[in-house]
PDB file of N, CA and C in Angstrom:
ATOM      1  N   UNK A   1     -28.412 316.024 152.846  1.00  0.00           N
ATOM      2  CA  UNK A   1     -28.160 316.752 151.620  1.00  0.00           C
ATOM      3  C   UNK A   1     -26.705 316.555 151.226  1.00  0.00           C
ATOM      4  N   UNK A   2     -26.488 316.299 149.963  1.00  0.00           N
ATOM      5  CA  UNK A   2     -25.161 316.022 149.439  1.00  0.00           C
ATOM      6  C   UNK A   2     -24.449 317.314 149.033  1.00  0.00           C
ATOM      7  N   UNK A   3     -23.245 317.559 149.517  1.00  0.00           N
ATOM      8  CA  UNK A   3     -22.526 318.752 149.053  1.00  0.00           C
ATOM      9  C   UNK A   3     -22.097 318.588 147.594  1.00  0.00           C
ATOM     10  N   UNK A   4     -21.981 319.687 146.912  1.00  0.00           N
ATOM     11  CA  UNK A   4     -21.585 319.664 145.502  1.00  0.00           C
ATOM     12  C   UNK A   4     -20.131 319.223 145.373  1.00  0.00           C
ATOM     13  N   UNK A   5     -19.841 318.509 144.312  1.00  0.00           N
ATOM     14  CA  UNK A   5     -18.476 318.040 144.096  1.00  0.00           C
ATOM     15  C   UNK A   5     -17.654 319.113 143.387  1.00  0.00           C
ATOM     16  N   UNK A   6     -16.362 318.872 143.318  1.00  0.00           N
ATOM     17  CA  UNK A   6     -15.449 319.817 142.677  1.00  0.00           C
ATOM     18  C   UNK A   6     -15.826 320.016 141.220  1.00  0.00           C
ATOM     19  N   UNK A   7     -16.182 318.955 140.532  1.00  0.00           N
ATOM     20  CA  UNK A   7     -16.514 319.087 139.110  1.00  0.00           C
ATOM     21  C   UNK A   7     -17.760 319.942 138.892  1.00  0.00           C
ATOM     22  N   UNK A   8     -18.708 319.889 139.815  1.00  0.00           N
ATOM     23  CA  UNK A   8     -19.894 320.738 139.685  1.00  0.00           C
ATOM     24  C   UNK A   8     -19.544 322.210 139.869  1.00  0.00           C
ATOM     25  N   UNK A   9     -18.683 322.502 140.824  1.00  0.00           N
ATOM     26  CA  UNK A   9     -18.233 323.884 141.004  1.00  0.00           C
ATOM     27  C   UNK A   9     -17.441 324.367 139.790  1.00  0.00           C
ATOM     28  N   UNK A  10     -16.586 323.516 139.256  1.00  0.00           N
ATOM     29  CA  UNK A  10     -15.806 323.907 138.084  1.00  0.00           C
ATOM     30  C   UNK A  10     -16.689 324.089 136.857  1.00  0.00           C
ATOM     31  N   UNK A  11     -17.735 323.266 136.725  1.00  0.00           N
ATOM     32  CA  UNK A  11     -18.675 323.442 135.621  1.00  0.00           C
ATOM     33  C   UNK A  11     -19.389 324.783 135.742  1.00  0.00           C
ATOM     34  N   UNK A  12     -19.867 325.107 136.943  1.00  0.00           N
ATOM     35  CA  UNK A  12     -20.549 326.387 137.160  1.00  0.00           C
ATOM     36  C   UNK A  12     -19.601 327.551 136.892  1.00  0.00           C
ATOM     37  N   UNK A  13     -18.364 327.430 137.340  1.00  0.00           N
ATOM     38  CA  UNK A  13     -17.382 328.484 137.110  1.00  0.00           C
ATOM     39  C   UNK A  13     -17.077 328.638 135.624  1.00  0.00           C
ATOM     40  N   UNK A  14     -16.924 327.524 134.935  1.00  0.00           N
ATOM     41  CA  UNK A  14     -16.677 327.583 133.494  1.00  0.00           C
ATOM     42  C   UNK A  14     -17.839 328.193 132.741  1.00  0.00           C
ATOM     43  N   UNK A  15     -19.057 327.871 133.165  1.00  0.00           N
ATOM     44  CA  UNK A  15     -20.246 328.441 132.543  1.00  0.00           C
ATOM     45  C   UNK A  15     -20.311 329.950 132.767  1.00  0.00           C
ATOM     46  N   UNK A  16     -20.048 330.394 133.999  1.00  0.00           N
ATOM     47  CA  UNK A  16     -20.028 331.832 134.282  1.00  0.00           C
ATOM     48  C   UNK A  16     -18.951 332.543 133.467  1.00  0.00           C
ATOM     49  N   UNK A  17     -17.778 331.922 133.375  1.00  0.00           N
ATOM     50  CA  UNK A  17     -16.698 332.538 132.611  1.00  0.00           C
ATOM     51  C   UNK A  17     -17.057 332.618 131.132  1.00  0.00           C
ATOM     52  N   UNK A  18     -17.670 331.566 130.594  1.00  0.00           N
ATOM     53  CA  UNK A  18     -18.057 331.561 129.180  1.00  0.00           C
ATOM     54  C   UNK A  18     -19.121 332.623 128.892  1.00  0.00           C
ATOM     55  N   UNK A  19     -20.084 332.781 129.808  1.00  0.00           N
ATOM     56  CA  UNK A  19     -21.103 333.821 129.641  1.00  0.00           C
ATOM     57  C   UNK A  19     -20.446 335.200 129.661  1.00  0.00           C
ATOM     58  N   UNK A  20     -19.523 335.407 130.590  1.00  0.00           N
ATOM     59  CA  UNK A  20     -18.819 336.687 130.653  1.00  0.00           C
ATOM     60  C   UNK A  20     -17.993 336.952 129.415  1.00  0.00           C
ATOM     61  N   UNK A  21     -17.286 335.944 128.925  1.00  0.00           N
ATOM     62  CA  UNK A  21     -16.468 336.103 127.726  1.00  0.00           C
ATOM     63  C   UNK A  21     -17.337 336.388 126.508  1.00  0.00           C
ATOM     64  N   UNK A  22     -18.451 335.680 126.394  1.00  0.00           N
ATOM     65  CA  UNK A  22     -19.374 335.936 125.284  1.00  0.00           C
ATOM     66  C   UNK A  22     -19.923 337.359 125.356  1.00  0.00           C
ATOM     67  N   UNK A  23     -20.220 337.823 126.550  1.00  0.00           N
ATOM     68  CA  UNK A  23     -20.708 339.190 126.712  1.00  0.00           C
ATOM     69  C   UNK A  23     -19.672 340.226 126.323  1.00  0.00           C
ATOM     70  N   UNK A  24     -18.424 339.980 126.654  1.00  0.00           N
ATOM     71  CA  UNK A  24     -17.353 340.913 126.287  1.00  0.00           C
ATOM     72  C   UNK A  24     -17.173 340.948 124.777  1.00  0.00           C
ATOM     73  N   UNK A  25     -17.269 339.795 124.138  1.00  0.00           N
ATOM     74  CA  UNK A  25     -17.046 339.721 122.693  1.00  0.00           C
ATOM     75  C   UNK A  25     -18.238 340.253 121.899  1.00  0.00           C
ATOM     76  N   UNK A  26     -19.457 339.933 122.326  1.00  0.00           N
ATOM     77  CA  UNK A  26     -20.647 340.216 121.525  1.00  0.00           C
ATOM     78  C   UNK A  26     -21.234 341.599 121.787  1.00  0.00           C
ATOM     79  N   UNK A  27     -21.308 342.005 123.030  1.00  0.00           N
ATOM     80  CA  UNK A  27     -22.014 343.243 123.377  1.00  0.00           C
ATOM     81  C   UNK A  27     -21.230 344.473 122.978  1.00  0.00           C
ATOM     82  N   UNK A  28     -21.937 345.568 122.739  1.00  0.00           N
ATOM     83  CA  UNK A  28     -21.311 346.823 122.332  1.00  0.00           C
ATOM     84  C   UNK A  28     -21.521 347.949 123.344  1.00  0.00           C
ATOM     85  N   UNK A  29     -22.281 347.700 124.385  1.00  0.00           N
ATOM     86  CA  UNK A  29     -22.494 348.690 125.429  1.00  0.00           C
ATOM     87  C   UNK A  29     -21.364 348.552 126.446  1.00  0.00           C
ATOM     88  N   UNK A  30     -20.668 349.636 126.716  1.00  0.00           N
ATOM     89  CA  UNK A  30     -19.466 349.573 127.562  1.00  0.00           C
ATOM     90  C   UNK A  30     -19.809 349.175 128.998  1.00  0.00           C
ATOM     91  N   UNK A  31     -20.992 349.514 129.477  1.00  0.00           N
ATOM     92  CA  UNK A  31     -21.372 349.132 130.836  1.00  0.00           C
ATOM     93  C   UNK A  31     -21.627 347.632 130.921  1.00  0.00           C
ATOM     94  N   UNK A  32     -22.262 347.054 129.895  1.00  0.00           N
ATOM     95  CA  UNK A  32     -22.501 345.615 129.875  1.00  0.00           C
ATOM     96  C   UNK A  32     -21.173 344.862 129.765  1.00  0.00           C
ATOM     97  N   UNK A  33     -20.261 345.380 128.958  1.00  0.00           N
ATOM     98  CA  UNK A  33     -18.929 344.772 128.850  1.00  0.00           C
ATOM     99  C   UNK A  33     -18.234 344.788 130.204  1.00  0.00           C
ATOM    100  N   UNK A  34     -18.345 345.887 130.901  1.00  0.00           N
ATOM    101  CA  UNK A  34     -17.746 346.028 132.222  1.00  0.00           C
ATOM    102  C   UNK A  34     -18.331 345.013 133.214  1.00  0.00           C
ATOM    103  N   UNK A  35     -19.656 344.830 133.165  1.00  0.00           N
ATOM    104  CA  UNK A  35     -20.292 343.843 134.041  1.00  0.00           C
ATOM    105  C   UNK A  35     -19.854 342.421 133.679  1.00  0.00           C
ATOM    106  N   UNK A  36     -19.667 342.156 132.396  1.00  0.00           N
ATOM    107  CA  UNK A  36     -19.218 340.829 131.977  1.00  0.00           C
ATOM    108  C   UNK A  36     -17.787 340.554 132.438  1.00  0.00           C
ATOM    109  N   UNK A  37     -16.948 341.584 132.461  1.00  0.00           N
ATOM    110  CA  UNK A  37     -15.598 341.417 133.009  1.00  0.00           C
ATOM    111  C   UNK A  37     -15.656 341.070 134.493  1.00  0.00           C
ATOM    112  N   UNK A  38     -16.563 341.705 135.214  1.00  0.00           N
ATOM    113  CA  UNK A  38     -16.732 341.386 136.631  1.00  0.00           C
ATOM    114  C   UNK A  38     -17.249 339.960 136.816  1.00  0.00           C
ATOM    115  N   UNK A  39     -18.100 339.501 135.903  1.00  0.00           N
ATOM    116  CA  UNK A  39     -18.596 338.128 135.951  1.00  0.00           C
ATOM    117  C   UNK A  39     -17.450 337.137 135.739  1.00  0.00           C
ATOM    118  N   UNK A  40     -16.523 337.475 134.875  1.00  0.00           N
ATOM    119  CA  UNK A  40     -15.362 336.619 134.647  1.00  0.00           C
ATOM    120  C   UNK A  40     -14.472 336.568 135.893  1.00  0.00           C
ATOM    121  N   UNK A  41     -14.327 337.685 136.582  1.00  0.00           N
ATOM    122  CA  UNK A  41     -13.569 337.689 137.837  1.00  0.00           C
ATOM    123  C   UNK A  41     -14.255 336.837 138.898  1.00  0.00           C
ATOM    124  N   UNK A  42     -15.573 336.901 138.955  1.00  0.00           N
ATOM    125  CA  UNK A  42     -16.315 336.077 139.913  1.00  0.00           C
ATOM    126  C   UNK A  42     -16.139 334.592 139.602  1.00  0.00           C
ATOM    127  N   UNK A  43     -16.089 334.241 138.323  1.00  0.00           N
ATOM    128  CA  UNK A  43     -15.862 332.847 137.939  1.00  0.00           C
ATOM    129  C   UNK A  43     -14.480 332.383 138.368  1.00  0.00           C
ATOM    130  N   UNK A  44     -13.491 333.245 138.220  1.00  0.00           N
ATOM    131  CA  UNK A  44     -12.139 332.890 138.666  1.00  0.00           C
ATOM    132  C   UNK A  44     -12.102 332.721 140.179  1.00  0.00           C
ATOM    133  N   UNK A  45     -12.816 333.571 140.908  1.00  0.00           N
ATOM    134  CA  UNK A  45     -12.886 333.437 142.367  1.00  0.00           C
ATOM    135  C   UNK A  45     -13.548 332.136 142.771  1.00  0.00           C
ATOM    136  N   UNK A  46     -14.610 331.760 142.089  1.00  0.00           N
ATOM    137  CA  UNK A  46     -15.298 330.505 142.392  1.00  0.00           C
ATOM    138  C   UNK A  46     -14.368 329.317 142.172  1.00  0.00           C
ATOM    139  N   UNK A  47     -13.577 329.366 141.115  1.00  0.00           N
ATOM    140  CA  UNK A  47     -12.619 328.297 140.845  1.00  0.00           C
ATOM    141  C   UNK A  47     -11.572 328.210 141.955  1.00  0.00           C
ATOM    142  N   UNK A  48     -11.048 329.345 142.376  1.00  0.00           N
ATOM    143  CA  UNK A  48     -10.048 329.352 143.446  1.00  0.00           C
ATOM    144  C   UNK A  48     -10.614 328.776 144.744  1.00  0.00           C
ATOM    145  N   UNK A  49     -11.830 329.169 145.086  1.00  0.00           N
ATOM    146  CA  UNK A  49     -12.439 328.666 146.318  1.00  0.00           C
ATOM    147  C   UNK A  49     -12.720 327.168 146.206  1.00  0.00           C
ATOM    148  N   UNK A  50     -13.170 326.716 145.034  1.00  0.00           N
ATOM    149  CA  UNK A  50     -13.467 325.291 144.859  1.00  0.00           C
ATOM    150  C   UNK A  50     -12.204 324.453 144.995  1.00  0.00           C
ATOM    151  N   UNK A  51     -11.113 324.882 144.361  1.00  0.00           N
ATOM    152  CA  UNK A  51      -9.863 324.135 144.494  1.00  0.00           C
ATOM    153  C   UNK A  51      -9.313 324.206 145.913  1.00  0.00           C
ATOM    154  N   UNK A  52      -9.485 325.358 146.548  1.00  0.00           N
ATOM    155  CA  UNK A  52      -9.013 325.506 147.919  1.00  0.00           C
ATOM    156  C   UNK A  52      -9.753 324.567 148.860  1.00  0.00           C
ATOM    157  N   UNK A  53     -11.060 324.448 148.687  1.00  0.00           N
ATOM    158  CA  UNK A  53     -11.854 323.572 149.554  1.00  0.00           C
ATOM    159  C   UNK A  53     -11.601 322.091 149.273  1.00  0.00           C
ATOM    160  N   UNK A  54     -11.246 321.768 148.035  1.00  0.00           N
ATOM    161  CA  UNK A  54     -11.049 320.352 147.706  1.00  0.00           C
ATOM    162  C   UNK A  54      -9.663 319.846 148.084  1.00  0.00           C
ATOM    163  N   UNK A  55      -8.717 320.738 148.270  1.00  0.00           N
ATOM    164  CA  UNK A  55      -7.357 320.335 148.640  1.00  0.00           C
ATOM    165  C   UNK A  55      -7.278 320.214 150.157  1.00  0.00           C
ATOM    166  N   UNK A  56      -7.258 319.010 150.640  1.00  0.00           N
ATOM    167  CA  UNK A  56      -7.233 318.746 152.083  1.00  0.00           C
ATOM    168  C   UNK A  56      -5.806 318.424 152.495  1.00  0.00           C
ATOM    169  N   UNK A  57      -5.321 319.143 153.491  1.00  0.00           N
ATOM    170  CA  UNK A  57      -3.997 318.840 154.043  1.00  0.00           C
ATOM    171  C   UNK A  57      -4.126 318.749 155.561  1.00  0.00           C
ATOM    172  N   UNK A  58      -3.669 317.657 156.108  1.00  0.00           N
ATOM    173  CA  UNK A  58      -3.719 317.386 157.543  1.00  0.00           C
ATOM    174  C   UNK A  58      -5.151 317.452 158.080  1.00  0.00           C
ATOM    175  N   UNK A  59      -6.108 316.996 157.281  1.00  0.00           N
ATOM    176  CA  UNK A  59      -7.491 316.929 157.720  1.00  0.00           C
ATOM    177  C   UNK A  59      -8.268 318.221 157.610  1.00  0.00           C
ATOM    178  N   UNK A  60      -7.616 319.309 157.203  1.00  0.00           N
ATOM    179  CA  UNK A  60      -8.278 320.602 157.077  1.00  0.00           C
ATOM    180  C   UNK A  60      -8.143 321.107 155.644  1.00  0.00           C
ATOM    181  N   UNK A  61      -9.118 321.901 155.186  1.00  0.00           N
ATOM    182  CA  UNK A  61      -8.986 322.486 153.847  1.00  0.00           C
ATOM    183  C   UNK A  61      -7.818 323.464 153.804  1.00  0.00           C
ATOM    184  N   UNK A  62      -7.220 323.572 152.637  1.00  0.00           N
ATOM    185  CA  UNK A  62      -6.132 324.531 152.428  1.00  0.00           C
ATOM    186  C   UNK A  62      -6.759 325.879 152.053  1.00  0.00           C
ATOM    187  N   UNK A  63      -6.577 326.879 152.882  1.00  0.00           N
ATOM    188  CA  UNK A  63      -7.241 328.161 152.688  1.00  0.00           C
ATOM    189  C   UNK A  63      -6.416 329.160 151.888  1.00  0.00           C
ATOM    190  N   UNK A  64      -5.332 328.754 151.253  1.00  0.00           N
ATOM    191  CA  UNK A  64      -4.506 329.678 150.481  1.00  0.00           C
ATOM    192  C   UNK A  64      -5.286 330.296 149.323  1.00  0.00           C
ATOM    193  N   UNK A  65      -6.083 329.498 148.630  1.00  0.00           N
ATOM    194  CA  UNK A  65      -6.873 330.012 147.515  1.00  0.00           C
ATOM    195  C   UNK A  65      -7.910 331.017 147.969  1.00  0.00           C
ATOM    196  N   UNK A  66      -8.485 330.787 149.143  1.00  0.00           N
ATOM    197  CA  UNK A  66      -9.496 331.710 149.645  1.00  0.00           C
ATOM    198  C   UNK A  66      -8.879 333.028 150.092  1.00  0.00           C
ATOM    199  N   UNK A  67      -7.655 332.989 150.553  1.00  0.00           N
ATOM    200  CA  UNK A  67      -6.962 334.235 150.896  1.00  0.00           C
ATOM    201  C   UNK A  67      -6.684 335.032 149.628  1.00  0.00           C
ATOM    202  N   UNK A  68      -6.326 334.335 148.559  1.00  0.00           N
ATOM    203  CA  UNK A  68      -6.083 335.002 147.285  1.00  0.00           C
ATOM    204  C   UNK A  68      -7.352 335.649 146.753  1.00  0.00           C
ATOM    205  N   UNK A  69      -8.505 335.068 147.034  1.00  0.00           N
ATOM    206  CA  UNK A  69      -9.783 335.633 146.603  1.00  0.00           C
ATOM    207  C   UNK A  69      -9.992 337.015 147.217  1.00  0.00           C
ATOM    208  N   UNK A  70      -9.596 337.210 148.470  1.00  0.00           N
ATOM    209  CA  UNK A  70      -9.737 338.525 149.092  1.00  0.00           C
ATOM    210  C   UNK A  70      -8.911 339.577 148.363  1.00  0.00           C
ATOM    211  N   UNK A  71      -7.725 339.216 147.903  1.00  0.00           N
ATOM    212  CA  UNK A  71      -6.914 340.155 147.131  1.00  0.00           C
ATOM    213  C   UNK A  71      -7.560 340.455 145.785  1.00  0.00           C
ATOM    214  N   UNK A  72      -8.139 339.444 145.156  1.00  0.00           N
ATOM    215  CA  UNK A  72      -8.815 339.657 143.876  1.00  0.00           C
ATOM    216  C   UNK A  72     -10.032 340.558 144.054  1.00  0.00           C
ATOM    217  N   UNK A  73     -10.783 340.367 145.134  1.00  0.00           N
ATOM    218  CA  UNK A  73     -11.940 341.218 145.405  1.00  0.00           C
ATOM    219  C   UNK A  73     -11.486 342.664 145.628  1.00  0.00           C
ATOM    220  N   UNK A  74     -10.371 342.854 146.310  1.00  0.00           N
ATOM    221  CA  UNK A  74      -9.843 344.197 146.535  1.00  0.00           C
ATOM    222  C   UNK A  74      -9.453 344.858 145.221  1.00  0.00           C
ATOM    223  N   UNK A  75      -8.763 344.121 144.370  1.00  0.00           N
ATOM    224  CA  UNK A  75      -8.376 344.660 143.060  1.00  0.00           C
ATOM    225  C   UNK A  75      -9.619 344.942 142.223  1.00  0.00           C
ATOM    226  N   UNK A  76     -10.624 344.069 142.294  1.00  0.00           N
ATOM    227  CA  UNK A  76     -11.861 344.273 141.536  1.00  0.00           C
ATOM    228  C   UNK A  76     -12.593 345.528 142.010  1.00  0.00           C
ATOM    229  N   UNK A  77     -12.571 345.801 143.307  1.00  0.00           N
ATOM    230  CA  UNK A  77     -13.213 347.013 143.824  1.00  0.00           C
ATOM    231  C   UNK A  77     -12.509 348.263 143.299  1.00  0.00           C
ATOM    232  N   UNK A  78     -11.188 348.222 143.268  1.00  0.00           N
ATOM    233  CA  UNK A  78     -10.439 349.354 142.713  1.00  0.00           C
ATOM    234  C   UNK A  78     -10.712 349.488 141.219  1.00  0.00           C
ATOM    235  N   UNK A  79     -10.814 348.355 140.533  1.00  0.00           N
ATOM    236  CA  UNK A  79     -11.111 348.374 139.103  1.00  0.00           C
ATOM    237  C   UNK A  79     -12.481 348.979 138.840  1.00  0.00           C
ATOM    238  N   UNK A  80     -13.453 348.667 139.676  1.00  0.00           N
ATOM    239  CA  UNK A  80     -14.790 349.231 139.519  1.00  0.00           C
ATOM    240  C   UNK A  80     -14.746 350.742 139.666  1.00  0.00           C
ATOM    241  N   UNK A  81     -14.044 351.226 140.652  1.00  0.00           N
ATOM    242  CA  UNK A  81     -13.965 352.670 140.874  1.00  0.00           C
ATOM    243  C   UNK A  81     -13.317 353.378 139.681  1.00  0.00           C
ATOM    244  N   UNK A  82     -12.202 352.855 139.220  1.00  0.00           N
ATOM    245  CA  UNK A  82     -11.502 353.470 138.094  1.00  0.00           C
ATOM    246  C   UNK A  82     -12.291 353.296 136.800  1.00  0.00           C
ATOM    247  N   UNK A  83     -12.826 352.100 136.596  1.00  0.00           N
ATOM    248  CA  UNK A  83     -13.577 351.827 135.376  1.00  0.00           C
ATOM    249  C   UNK A  83     -14.821 352.682 135.247  1.00  0.00           C
ATOM    250  N   UNK A  84     -15.573 352.813 136.323  1.00  0.00           N
ATOM    251  CA  UNK A  84     -16.766 353.656 136.264  1.00  0.00           C
ATOM    252  C   UNK A  84     -16.411 355.125 136.074  1.00  0.00           C
ATOM    253  N   UNK A  85     -15.310 355.566 136.642  1.00  0.00           N
ATOM    254  CA  UNK A  85     -14.859 356.943 136.417  1.00  0.00           C
ATOM    255  C   UNK A  85     -14.506 357.164 134.944  1.00  0.00           C
ATOM    256  N   UNK A  86     -13.864 356.201 134.329  1.00  0.00           N
ATOM    257  CA  UNK A  86     -13.537 356.304 132.906  1.00  0.00           C
ATOM    258  C   UNK A  86     -14.806 356.297 132.060  1.00  0.00           C
ATOM    259  N   UNK A  87     -15.761 355.440 132.414  1.00  0.00           N
ATOM    260  CA  UNK A  87     -17.023 355.386 131.658  1.00  0.00           C
ATOM    261  C   UNK A  87     -17.774 356.712 131.772  1.00  0.00           C
ATOM    262  N   UNK A  88     -17.824 357.295 132.962  1.00  0.00           N
ATOM    263  CA  UNK A  88     -18.503 358.581 133.151  1.00  0.00           C
ATOM    264  C   UNK A  88     -17.790 359.672 132.354  1.00  0.00           C
ATOM    265  N   UNK A  89     -16.464 359.672 132.371  1.00  0.00           N
ATOM    266  CA  UNK A  89     -15.719 360.678 131.601  1.00  0.00           C
ATOM    267  C   UNK A  89     -15.948 360.508 130.098  1.00  0.00           C
ATOM    268  N   UNK A  90     -15.987 359.272 129.616  1.00  0.00           N
ATOM    269  CA  UNK A  90     -16.275 359.029 128.199  1.00  0.00           C
ATOM    270  C   UNK A  90     -17.676 359.509 127.834  1.00  0.00           C
ATOM    271  N   UNK A  91     -18.638 359.229 128.689  1.00  0.00           N
ATOM    272  CA  UNK A  91     -20.004 359.642 128.403  1.00  0.00           C
ATOM    273  C   UNK A  91     -20.123 361.167 128.382  1.00  0.00           C
ATOM    274  N   UNK A  92     -19.454 361.825 129.305  1.00  0.00           N
ATOM    275  CA  UNK A  92     -19.521 363.300 129.346  1.00  0.00           C
ATOM    276  C   UNK A  92     -18.882 363.937 128.121  1.00  0.00           C
ATOM    277  N   UNK A  93     -17.808 363.325 127.620  1.00  0.00           N
ATOM    278  CA  UNK A  93     -17.135 363.931 126.462  1.00  0.00           C
ATOM    279  C   UNK A  93     -17.757 363.525 125.134  1.00  0.00           C
ATOM    280  N   UNK A  94     -18.288 362.307 125.016  1.00  0.00           N
ATOM    281  CA  UNK A  94     -18.802 361.808 123.738  1.00  0.00           C
ATOM    282  C   UNK A  94     -20.315 361.651 123.690  1.00  0.00           C
ATOM    283  N   UNK A  95     -20.992 361.691 124.834  1.00  0.00           N
ATOM    284  CA  UNK A  95     -22.436 361.511 124.922  1.00  0.00           C
ATOM    285  C   UNK A  95     -22.902 360.143 124.405  1.00  0.00           C
ATOM    286  N   UNK A  96     -22.056 359.120 124.555  1.00  0.00           N
ATOM    287  CA  UNK A  96     -22.423 357.762 124.167  1.00  0.00           C
ATOM    288  C   UNK A  96     -21.643 356.760 125.004  1.00  0.00           C
ATOM    289  N   UNK A  97     -22.227 355.563 125.152  1.00  0.00           N
ATOM    290  CA  UNK A  97     -21.512 354.474 125.823  1.00  0.00           C
ATOM    291  C   UNK A  97     -21.408 353.261 124.904  1.00  0.00           C
ATOM    292  N   UNK A  98     -21.678 353.467 123.621  1.00  0.00           N
ATOM    293  CA  UNK A  98     -21.560 352.394 122.637  1.00  0.00           C
ATOM    294  C   UNK A  98     -20.114 352.307 122.163  1.00  0.00           C
ATOM    295  N   UNK A  99     -19.551 351.129 122.209  1.00  0.00           N
ATOM    296  CA  UNK A  99     -18.143 350.929 121.872  1.00  0.00           C
ATOM    297  C   UNK A  99     -17.885 351.252 120.404  1.00  0.00           C
ATOM    298  N   UNK A 100     -18.830 350.945 119.534  1.00  0.00           N
ATOM    299  CA  UNK A 100     -18.647 351.194 118.093  1.00  0.00           C
ATOM    300  C   UNK A 100     -18.458 352.666 117.771  1.00  0.00           C
ATOM    301  N   UNK A 101     -19.040 353.537 118.587  1.00  0.00           N
ATOM    302  CA  UNK A 101     -18.942 354.964 118.330  1.00  0.00           C
ATOM    303  C   UNK A 101     -17.706 355.597 118.958  1.00  0.00           C
ATOM    304  N   UNK A 102     -16.979 354.871 119.751  1.00  0.00           N
ATOM    305  CA  UNK A 102     -15.747 355.369 120.375  1.00  0.00           C
ATOM    306  C   UNK A 102     -14.566 354.901 119.534  1.00  0.00           C
ATOM    307  N   UNK A 103     -14.281 355.633 118.464  1.00  0.00           N
ATOM    308  CA  UNK A 103     -13.270 355.166 117.505  1.00  0.00           C
ATOM    309  C   UNK A 103     -11.912 355.810 117.686  1.00  0.00           C
ATOM    310  N   UNK A 104     -11.833 356.936 118.363  1.00  0.00           N
ATOM    311  CA  UNK A 104     -10.539 357.587 118.542  1.00  0.00           C
ATOM    312  C   UNK A 104     -10.379 358.026 119.996  1.00  0.00           C
ATOM    313  N   UNK A 105      -9.162 358.326 120.364  1.00  0.00           N
ATOM    314  CA  UNK A 105      -8.883 358.750 121.735  1.00  0.00           C
ATOM    315  C   UNK A 105      -9.054 360.254 121.886  1.00  0.00           C
ATOM    316  N   UNK A 106      -9.238 360.985 120.784  1.00  0.00           N
ATOM    317  CA  UNK A 106      -9.425 362.432 120.859  1.00  0.00           C
ATOM    318  C   UNK A 106     -10.796 362.760 121.402  1.00  0.00           C
ATOM    319  N   UNK A 107     -10.912 363.899 122.066  1.00  0.00           N
ATOM    320  CA  UNK A 107     -12.191 364.351 122.615  1.00  0.00           C
ATOM    321  C   UNK A 107     -12.851 365.239 121.663  1.00  0.00           C
TER     322      UNK A 107
END
């Protein structure tokens, strides 16, 4: 079985990022927008891992990019906790999760 090349990983990452960006731009449900942002982070992680695996130094892959992925995953976990708390607070105060109906910061 042939392993995937760098360009195939970058194509998949670009496709995931484009889907996430389209979801952020087009969708109006705040939860779907939030999931699309997470999809964009996953695409960035895939790119980092692909470049890390393709960069060979002294016969071994360079794992610097993969270490950075762990930090991104940690930040994404914190973002999920804070983001979902904000979404729950918005829903409790406004009774909606549609972005179009959230026009002001007042409660």
